């Protein structure tokens, strides 16, 4: 049960974070 629930919970949390969400900005850098 734990092996099935944890990945689903992580997937649900990460899929709710969108790159366009306020406070998250991606920026290209050169190194």
ModelCIF file with pLDDT and N, C-alpha, C, O atoms, coordinates in Angstrom:
data_MODEL
#
_entry.id   MODEL 
#
_entity.id                         1 
_entity.type                       polymer 
_entity.pdbx_number_of_molecules   1 
#
_entity_poly.entity_id                      1 
_entity_poly.type                           'polypeptide(L)' 
_entity_poly.nstd_linkage                   no 
_entity_poly.nstd_monomer                   no 
_entity_poly.pdbx_seq_one_letter_code       
;(UNK)(UNK)(UNK)(UNK)(UNK)(UNK)(UNK)(UNK)(UNK)(UNK)(UNK)(UNK)(UNK)(UNK)(UNK)(UNK)
(UNK)(UNK)(UNK)(UNK)(UNK)(UNK)(UNK)(UNK)(UNK)(UNK)(UNK)(UNK)(UNK)(UNK)(UNK)
;
_entity_poly.pdbx_seq_one_letter_code_can   XXXXXXXXXXXXXXXXXXXXXXXXXXXXXXX 
_entity_poly.pdbx_strand_id                 A 
#
loop_
_entity_poly_seq.entity_id 
_entity_poly_seq.num 
_entity_poly_seq.mon_id 
_entity_poly_seq.hetero 
1 1  UNK n 
1 2  UNK n 
1 3  UNK n 
1 4  UNK n 
1 5  UNK n 
1 6  UNK n 
1 7  UNK n 
1 8  UNK n 
1 9  UNK n 
1 10 UNK n 
1 11 UNK n 
1 12 UNK n 
1 13 UNK n 
1 14 UNK n 
1 15 UNK n 
1 16 UNK n 
1 17 UNK n 
1 18 UNK n 
1 19 UNK n 
1 20 UNK n 
1 21 UNK n 
1 22 UNK n 
1 23 UNK n 
1 24 UNK n 
1 25 UNK n 
1 26 UNK n 
1 27 UNK n 
1 28 UNK n 
1 29 UNK n 
1 30 UNK n 
1 31 UNK n 
#
_struct_asym.id          A 
_struct_asym.entity_id   1 
#
loop_
_ma_qa_metric.id 
_ma_qa_metric.mode 
_ma_qa_metric.name 
_ma_qa_metric.software_group_id 
_ma_qa_metric.type 
1 global pLDDT . pLDDT 
2 local  pLDDT . pLDDT 
#
_ma_qa_metric_global.metric_id      1 
_ma_qa_metric_global.metric_value   63.61 
_ma_qa_metric_global.model_id       1 
_ma_qa_metric_global.ordinal_id     1 
#
loop_
_ma_qa_metric_local.label_asym_id 
_ma_qa_metric_local.label_comp_id 
_ma_qa_metric_local.label_seq_id 
_ma_qa_metric_local.metric_id 
_ma_qa_metric_local.metric_value 
_ma_qa_metric_local.model_id 
_ma_qa_metric_local.ordinal_id 
A UNK 1  2 51.00 1 1  
A UNK 2  2 46.00 1 2  
A UNK 3  2 53.00 1 3  
A UNK 4  2 54.00 1 4  
A UNK 5  2 50.00 1 5  
A UNK 6  2 53.00 1 6  
A UNK 7  2 58.00 1 7  
A UNK 8  2 56.00 1 8  
A UNK 9  2 54.00 1 9  
A UNK 10 2 55.00 1 10 
A UNK 11 2 56.00 1 11 
A UNK 12 2 57.00 1 12 
A UNK 13 2 56.00 1 13 
A UNK 14 2 55.00 1 14 
A UNK 15 2 53.00 1 15 
A UNK 16 2 54.00 1 16 
A UNK 17 2 56.00 1 17 
A UNK 18 2 55.00 1 18 
A UNK 19 2 53.00 1 19 
A UNK 20 2 56.00 1 20 
A UNK 21 2 63.00 1 21 
A UNK 22 2 71.00 1 22 
A UNK 23 2 77.00 1 23 
A UNK 24 2 82.00 1 24 
A UNK 25 2 84.00 1 25 
A UNK 26 2 86.00 1 26 
A UNK 27 2 87.00 1 27 
A UNK 28 2 89.00 1 28 
A UNK 29 2 88.00 1 29 
A UNK 30 2 86.00 1 30 
A UNK 31 2 78.00 1 31 
#
loop_
_atom_site.group_PDB 
_atom_site.id 
_atom_site.type_symbol 
_atom_site.label_atom_id 
_atom_site.label_alt_id 
_atom_site.label_comp_id 
_atom_site.label_asym_id 
_atom_site.label_entity_id 
_atom_site.label_seq_id 
_atom_site.pdbx_PDB_ins_code 
_atom_site.Cartn_x 
_atom_site.Cartn_y 
_atom_site.Cartn_z 
_atom_site.occupancy 
_atom_site.B_iso_or_equiv 
_atom_site.pdbx_formal_charge 
_atom_site.auth_seq_id 
_atom_site.auth_comp_id 
_atom_site.auth_asym_id 
_atom_site.auth_atom_id 
_atom_site.pdbx_PDB_model_num 
ATOM 1   N N  . UNK A 1 1  ? 0.847  -1.204 0.000   1.00 51.00 ? 1  UNK A N  1 
ATOM 2   C CA . UNK A 1 1  ? 0.000  0.000  0.000   1.00 51.00 ? 1  UNK A CA 1 
ATOM 3   C C  . UNK A 1 1  ? 0.875  1.244  0.000   1.00 51.00 ? 1  UNK A C  1 
ATOM 4   O O  . UNK A 1 1  ? 0.616  2.182  -0.754  1.00 51.00 ? 1  UNK A O  1 
ATOM 5   N N  . UNK A 1 2  ? 1.906  1.264  0.834   1.00 46.00 ? 2  UNK A N  1 
ATOM 6   C CA . UNK A 1 2  ? 2.818  2.409  0.891   1.00 46.00 ? 2  UNK A CA 1 
ATOM 7   C C  . UNK A 1 2  ? 3.530  2.598  -0.443  1.00 46.00 ? 2  UNK A C  1 
ATOM 8   O O  . UNK A 1 2  ? 3.696  3.725  -0.909  1.00 46.00 ? 2  UNK A O  1 
ATOM 9   N N  . UNK A 1 3  ? 3.945  1.503  -1.048  1.00 53.00 ? 3  UNK A N  1 
ATOM 10  C CA . UNK A 1 3  ? 4.636  1.582  -2.336  1.00 53.00 ? 3  UNK A CA 1 
ATOM 11  C C  . UNK A 1 3  ? 3.724  2.128  -3.425  1.00 53.00 ? 3  UNK A C  1 
ATOM 12  O O  . UNK A 1 3  ? 4.209  2.718  -4.390  1.00 53.00 ? 3  UNK A O  1 
ATOM 13  N N  . UNK A 1 4  ? 2.450  1.949  -3.296  1.00 54.00 ? 4  UNK A N  1 
ATOM 14  C CA . UNK A 1 4  ? 1.501  2.453  -4.299  1.00 54.00 ? 4  UNK A CA 1 
ATOM 15  C C  . UNK A 1 4  ? 1.074  3.883  -4.000  1.00 54.00 ? 4  UNK A C  1 
ATOM 16  O O  . UNK A 1 4  ? 0.893  4.675  -4.924  1.00 54.00 ? 4  UNK A O  1 
ATOM 17  N N  . UNK A 1 5  ? 0.909  4.228  -2.726  1.00 50.00 ? 5  UNK A N  1 
ATOM 18  C CA . UNK A 1 5  ? 0.384  5.539  -2.342  1.00 50.00 ? 5  UNK A CA 1 
ATOM 19  C C  . UNK A 1 5  ? 1.437  6.636  -2.493  1.00 50.00 ? 5  UNK A C  1 
ATOM 20  O O  . UNK A 1 5  ? 1.115  7.721  -2.979  1.00 50.00 ? 5  UNK A O  1 
ATOM 21  N N  . UNK A 1 6  ? 2.677  6.388  -2.092  1.00 53.00 ? 6  UNK A N  1 
ATOM 22  C CA . UNK A 1 6  ? 3.713  7.431  -2.121  1.00 53.00 ? 6  UNK A CA 1 
ATOM 23  C C  . UNK A 1 6  ? 3.957  7.951  -3.539  1.00 53.00 ? 6  UNK A C  1 
ATOM 24  O O  . UNK A 1 6  ? 3.950  9.166  -3.732  1.00 53.00 ? 6  UNK A O  1 
ATOM 25  N N  . UNK A 1 7  ? 4.172  7.096  -4.535  1.00 58.00 ? 7  UNK A N  1 
ATOM 26  C CA . UNK A 1 7  ? 4.386  7.643  -5.888  1.00 58.00 ? 7  UNK A CA 1 
ATOM 27  C C  . UNK A 1 7  ? 3.188  8.439  -6.409  1.00 58.00 ? 7  UNK A C  1 
ATOM 28  O O  . UNK A 1 7  ? 3.367  9.441  -7.100  1.00 58.00 ? 7  UNK A O  1 
ATOM 29  N N  . UNK A 1 8  ? 1.977  8.006  -6.087  1.00 56.00 ? 8  UNK A N  1 
ATOM 30  C CA . UNK A 1 8  ? 0.784  8.727  -6.536  1.00 56.00 ? 8  UNK A CA 1 
ATOM 31  C C  . UNK A 1 8  ? 0.721  10.091 -5.870  1.00 56.00 ? 8  UNK A C  1 
ATOM 32  O O  . UNK A 1 8  ? 0.375  11.079 -6.517  1.00 56.00 ? 8  UNK A O  1 
ATOM 33  N N  . UNK A 1 9  ? 1.051  10.158 -4.588  1.00 54.00 ? 9  UNK A N  1 
ATOM 34  C CA . UNK A 1 9  ? 1.032  11.434 -3.874  1.00 54.00 ? 9  UNK A CA 1 
ATOM 35  C C  . UNK A 1 9  ? 2.085  12.385 -4.428  1.00 54.00 ? 9  UNK A C  1 
ATOM 36  O O  . UNK A 1 9  ? 1.817  13.573 -4.608  1.00 54.00 ? 9  UNK A O  1 
ATOM 37  N N  . UNK A 1 10 ? 3.288  11.866 -4.701  1.00 55.00 ? 10 UNK A N  1 
ATOM 38  C CA . UNK A 1 10 ? 4.349  12.704 -5.269  1.00 55.00 ? 10 UNK A CA 1 
ATOM 39  C C  . UNK A 1 10 ? 3.941  13.206 -6.645  1.00 55.00 ? 10 UNK A C  1 
ATOM 40  O O  . UNK A 1 10 ? 4.153  14.376 -6.962  1.00 55.00 ? 10 UNK A O  1 
ATOM 41  N N  . UNK A 1 11 ? 3.367  12.349 -7.456  1.00 56.00 ? 11 UNK A N  1 
ATOM 42  C CA . UNK A 1 11 ? 2.898  12.750 -8.777  1.00 56.00 ? 11 UNK A CA 1 
ATOM 43  C C  . UNK A 1 11 ? 1.826  13.824 -8.684  1.00 56.00 ? 11 UNK A C  1 
ATOM 44  O O  . UNK A 1 11 ? 1.837  14.782 -9.457  1.00 56.00 ? 11 UNK A O  1 
ATOM 45  N N  . UNK A 1 12 ? 0.915  13.672 -7.760  1.00 57.00 ? 12 UNK A N  1 
ATOM 46  C CA . UNK A 1 12 ? -0.154 14.660 -7.592  1.00 57.00 ? 12 UNK A CA 1 
ATOM 47  C C  . UNK A 1 12 ? 0.413  16.008 -7.171  1.00 57.00 ? 12 UNK A C  1 
ATOM 48  O O  . UNK A 1 12 ? -0.030 17.047 -7.662  1.00 57.00 ? 12 UNK A O  1 
ATOM 49  N N  . UNK A 1 13 ? 1.379  16.002 -6.275  1.00 56.00 ? 13 UNK A N  1 
ATOM 50  C CA . UNK A 1 13 ? 1.983  17.259 -5.826  1.00 56.00 ? 13 UNK A CA 1 
ATOM 51  C C  . UNK A 1 13 ? 2.775  17.932 -6.932  1.00 56.00 ? 13 UNK A C  1 
ATOM 52  O O  . UNK A 1 13 ? 2.656  19.140 -7.133  1.00 56.00 ? 13 UNK A O  1 
ATOM 53  N N  . UNK A 1 14 ? 3.582  17.164 -7.651  1.00 55.00 ? 14 UNK A N  1 
ATOM 54  C CA . UNK A 1 14 ? 4.413  17.778 -8.682  1.00 55.00 ? 14 UNK A CA 1 
ATOM 55  C C  . UNK A 1 14 ? 3.609  18.216 -9.891  1.00 55.00 ? 14 UNK A C  1 
ATOM 56  O O  . UNK A 1 14 ? 3.976  19.186 -10.553 1.00 55.00 ? 14 UNK A O  1 
ATOM 57  N N  . UNK A 1 15 ? 2.530  17.529 -10.192 1.00 53.00 ? 15 UNK A N  1 
ATOM 58  C CA . UNK A 1 15 ? 1.741  17.941 -11.346 1.00 53.00 ? 15 UNK A CA 1 
ATOM 59  C C  . UNK A 1 15 ? 0.930  19.198 -11.060 1.00 53.00 ? 15 UNK A C  1 
ATOM 60  O O  . UNK A 1 15 ? 0.484  19.876 -11.985 1.00 53.00 ? 15 UNK A O  1 
ATOM 61  N N  . UNK A 1 16 ? 0.738  19.511 -9.779  1.00 54.00 ? 16 UNK A N  1 
ATOM 62  C CA . UNK A 1 16 ? 0.003  20.732 -9.460  1.00 54.00 ? 16 UNK A CA 1 
ATOM 63  C C  . UNK A 1 16 ? 0.891  21.958 -9.511  1.00 54.00 ? 16 UNK A C  1 
ATOM 64  O O  . UNK A 1 16 ? 0.393  23.084 -9.512  1.00 54.00 ? 16 UNK A O  1 
ATOM 65  N N  . UNK A 1 17 ? 2.224  21.755 -9.554  1.00 56.00 ? 17 UNK A N  1 
ATOM 66  C CA . UNK A 1 17 ? 3.154  22.877 -9.683  1.00 56.00 ? 17 UNK A CA 1 
ATOM 67  C C  . UNK A 1 17 ? 3.383  23.115 -11.162 1.00 56.00 ? 17 UNK A C  1 
ATOM 68  O O  . UNK A 1 17 ? 3.867  22.232 -11.871 1.00 56.00 ? 17 UNK A O  1 
ATOM 69  N N  . UNK A 1 18 ? 3.052  24.259 -11.612 1.00 55.00 ? 18 UNK A N  1 
ATOM 70  C CA . UNK A 1 18 ? 3.134  24.616 -13.026 1.00 55.00 ? 18 UNK A CA 1 
ATOM 71  C C  . UNK A 1 18 ? 4.232  25.658 -13.197 1.00 55.00 ? 18 UNK A C  1 
ATOM 72  O O  . UNK A 1 18 ? 4.417  26.514 -12.332 1.00 55.00 ? 18 UNK A O  1 
ATOM 73  N N  . UNK A 1 19 ? 4.949  25.591 -14.292 1.00 53.00 ? 19 UNK A N  1 
ATOM 74  C CA . UNK A 1 19 ? 6.017  26.555 -14.558 1.00 53.00 ? 19 UNK A CA 1 
ATOM 75  C C  . UNK A 1 19 ? 5.486  27.982 -14.598 1.00 53.00 ? 19 UNK A C  1 
ATOM 76  O O  . UNK A 1 19 ? 6.227  28.932 -14.348 1.00 53.00 ? 19 UNK A O  1 
ATOM 77  N N  . UNK A 1 20 ? 4.227  28.129 -14.905 1.00 56.00 ? 20 UNK A N  1 
ATOM 78  C CA . UNK A 1 20 ? 3.632  29.460 -14.980 1.00 56.00 ? 20 UNK A CA 1 
ATOM 79  C C  . UNK A 1 20 ? 3.074  29.908 -13.637 1.00 56.00 ? 20 UNK A C  1 
ATOM 80  O O  . UNK A 1 20 ? 2.492  30.989 -13.550 1.00 56.00 ? 20 UNK A O  1 
ATOM 81  N N  . UNK A 1 21 ? 3.236  29.111 -12.595 1.00 63.00 ? 21 UNK A N  1 
ATOM 82  C CA . UNK A 1 21 ? 2.733  29.474 -11.277 1.00 63.00 ? 21 UNK A CA 1 
ATOM 83  C C  . UNK A 1 21 ? 3.435  30.726 -10.789 1.00 63.00 ? 21 UNK A C  1 
ATOM 84  O O  . UNK A 1 21 ? 4.612  30.941 -11.077 1.00 63.00 ? 21 UNK A O  1 
ATOM 85  N N  . UNK A 1 22 ? 2.708  31.551 -10.047 1.00 71.00 ? 22 UNK A N  1 
ATOM 86  C CA . UNK A 1 22 ? 3.319  32.758 -9.499  1.00 71.00 ? 22 UNK A CA 1 
ATOM 87  C C  . UNK A 1 22 ? 4.509  32.407 -8.599  1.00 71.00 ? 22 UNK A C  1 
ATOM 88  O O  . UNK A 1 22 ? 4.449  31.459 -7.816  1.00 71.00 ? 22 UNK A O  1 
ATOM 89  N N  . UNK A 1 23 ? 5.570  33.169 -8.722  1.00 77.00 ? 23 UNK A N  1 
ATOM 90  C CA . UNK A 1 23 ? 6.739  32.958 -7.894  1.00 77.00 ? 23 UNK A CA 1 
ATOM 91  C C  . UNK A 1 23 ? 7.768  32.008 -8.488  1.00 77.00 ? 23 UNK A C  1 
ATOM 92  O O  . UNK A 1 23 ? 8.880  31.896 -7.970  1.00 77.00 ? 23 UNK A O  1 
ATOM 93  N N  . UNK A 1 24 ? 7.410  31.324 -9.567  1.00 82.00 ? 24 UNK A N  1 
ATOM 94  C CA . UNK A 1 24 ? 8.365  30.418 -10.207 1.00 82.00 ? 24 UNK A CA 1 
ATOM 95  C C  . UNK A 1 24 ? 8.714  30.993 -11.563 1.00 82.00 ? 24 UNK A C  1 
ATOM 96  O O  . UNK A 1 24 ? 7.844  31.219 -12.404 1.00 82.00 ? 24 UNK A O  1 
ATOM 97  N N  . UNK A 1 25 ? 10.004 31.225 -11.762 1.00 84.00 ? 25 UNK A N  1 
ATOM 98  C CA . UNK A 1 25 ? 10.448 31.762 -13.048 1.00 84.00 ? 25 UNK A CA 1 
ATOM 99  C C  . UNK A 1 25 ? 11.692 31.006 -13.483 1.00 84.00 ? 25 UNK A C  1 
ATOM 100 O O  . UNK A 1 25 ? 12.627 30.820 -12.704 1.00 84.00 ? 25 UNK A O  1 
ATOM 101 N N  . UNK A 1 26 ? 11.691 30.583 -14.708 1.00 86.00 ? 26 UNK A N  1 
ATOM 102 C CA . UNK A 1 26 ? 12.849 29.913 -15.271 1.00 86.00 ? 26 UNK A CA 1 
ATOM 103 C C  . UNK A 1 26 ? 13.636 30.918 -16.085 1.00 86.00 ? 26 UNK A C  1 
ATOM 104 O O  . UNK A 1 26 ? 13.068 31.731 -16.814 1.00 86.00 ? 26 UNK A O  1 
ATOM 105 N N  . UNK A 1 27 ? 14.930 30.855 -15.955 1.00 87.00 ? 27 UNK A N  1 
ATOM 106 C CA . UNK A 1 27 ? 15.781 31.816 -16.632 1.00 87.00 ? 27 UNK A CA 1 
ATOM 107 C C  . UNK A 1 27 ? 16.952 31.072 -17.252 1.00 87.00 ? 27 UNK A C  1 
ATOM 108 O O  . UNK A 1 27 ? 17.578 30.243 -16.591 1.00 87.00 ? 27 UNK A O  1 
ATOM 109 N N  . UNK A 1 28 ? 17.252 31.356 -18.500 1.00 89.00 ? 28 UNK A N  1 
ATOM 110 C CA . UNK A 1 28 ? 18.406 30.752 -19.159 1.00 89.00 ? 28 UNK A CA 1 
ATOM 111 C C  . UNK A 1 28 ? 19.672 31.414 -18.657 1.00 89.00 ? 28 UNK A C  1 
ATOM 112 O O  . UNK A 1 28 ? 19.714 32.625 -18.438 1.00 89.00 ? 28 UNK A O  1 
ATOM 113 N N  . UNK A 1 29 ? 20.685 30.617 -18.481 1.00 88.00 ? 29 UNK A N  1 
ATOM 114 C CA . UNK A 1 29 ? 21.978 31.152 -18.069 1.00 88.00 ? 29 UNK A CA 1 
ATOM 115 C C  . UNK A 1 29 ? 23.058 30.585 -18.975 1.00 88.00 ? 29 UNK A C  1 
ATOM 116 O O  . UNK A 1 29 ? 22.875 29.543 -19.605 1.00 88.00 ? 29 UNK A O  1 
ATOM 117 N N  . UNK A 1 30 ? 24.152 31.263 -19.033 1.00 86.00 ? 30 UNK A N  1 
ATOM 118 C CA . UNK A 1 30 ? 25.304 30.806 -19.788 1.00 86.00 ? 30 UNK A CA 1 
ATOM 119 C C  . UNK A 1 30 ? 26.438 30.584 -18.799 1.00 86.00 ? 30 UNK A C  1 
ATOM 120 O O  . UNK A 1 30 ? 26.697 31.424 -17.936 1.00 86.00 ? 30 UNK A O  1 
ATOM 121 N N  . UNK A 1 31 ? 27.100 29.465 -18.929 1.00 78.00 ? 31 UNK A N  1 
ATOM 122 C CA . UNK A 1 31 ? 28.219 29.148 -18.060 1.00 78.00 ? 31 UNK A CA 1 
ATOM 123 C C  . UNK A 1 31 ? 29.446 28.948 -18.933 1.00 78.00 ? 31 UNK A C  1 
ATOM 124 O O  . UNK A 1 31 ? 30.530 28.668 -18.421 1.00 78.00 ? 31 UNK A O  1 
#
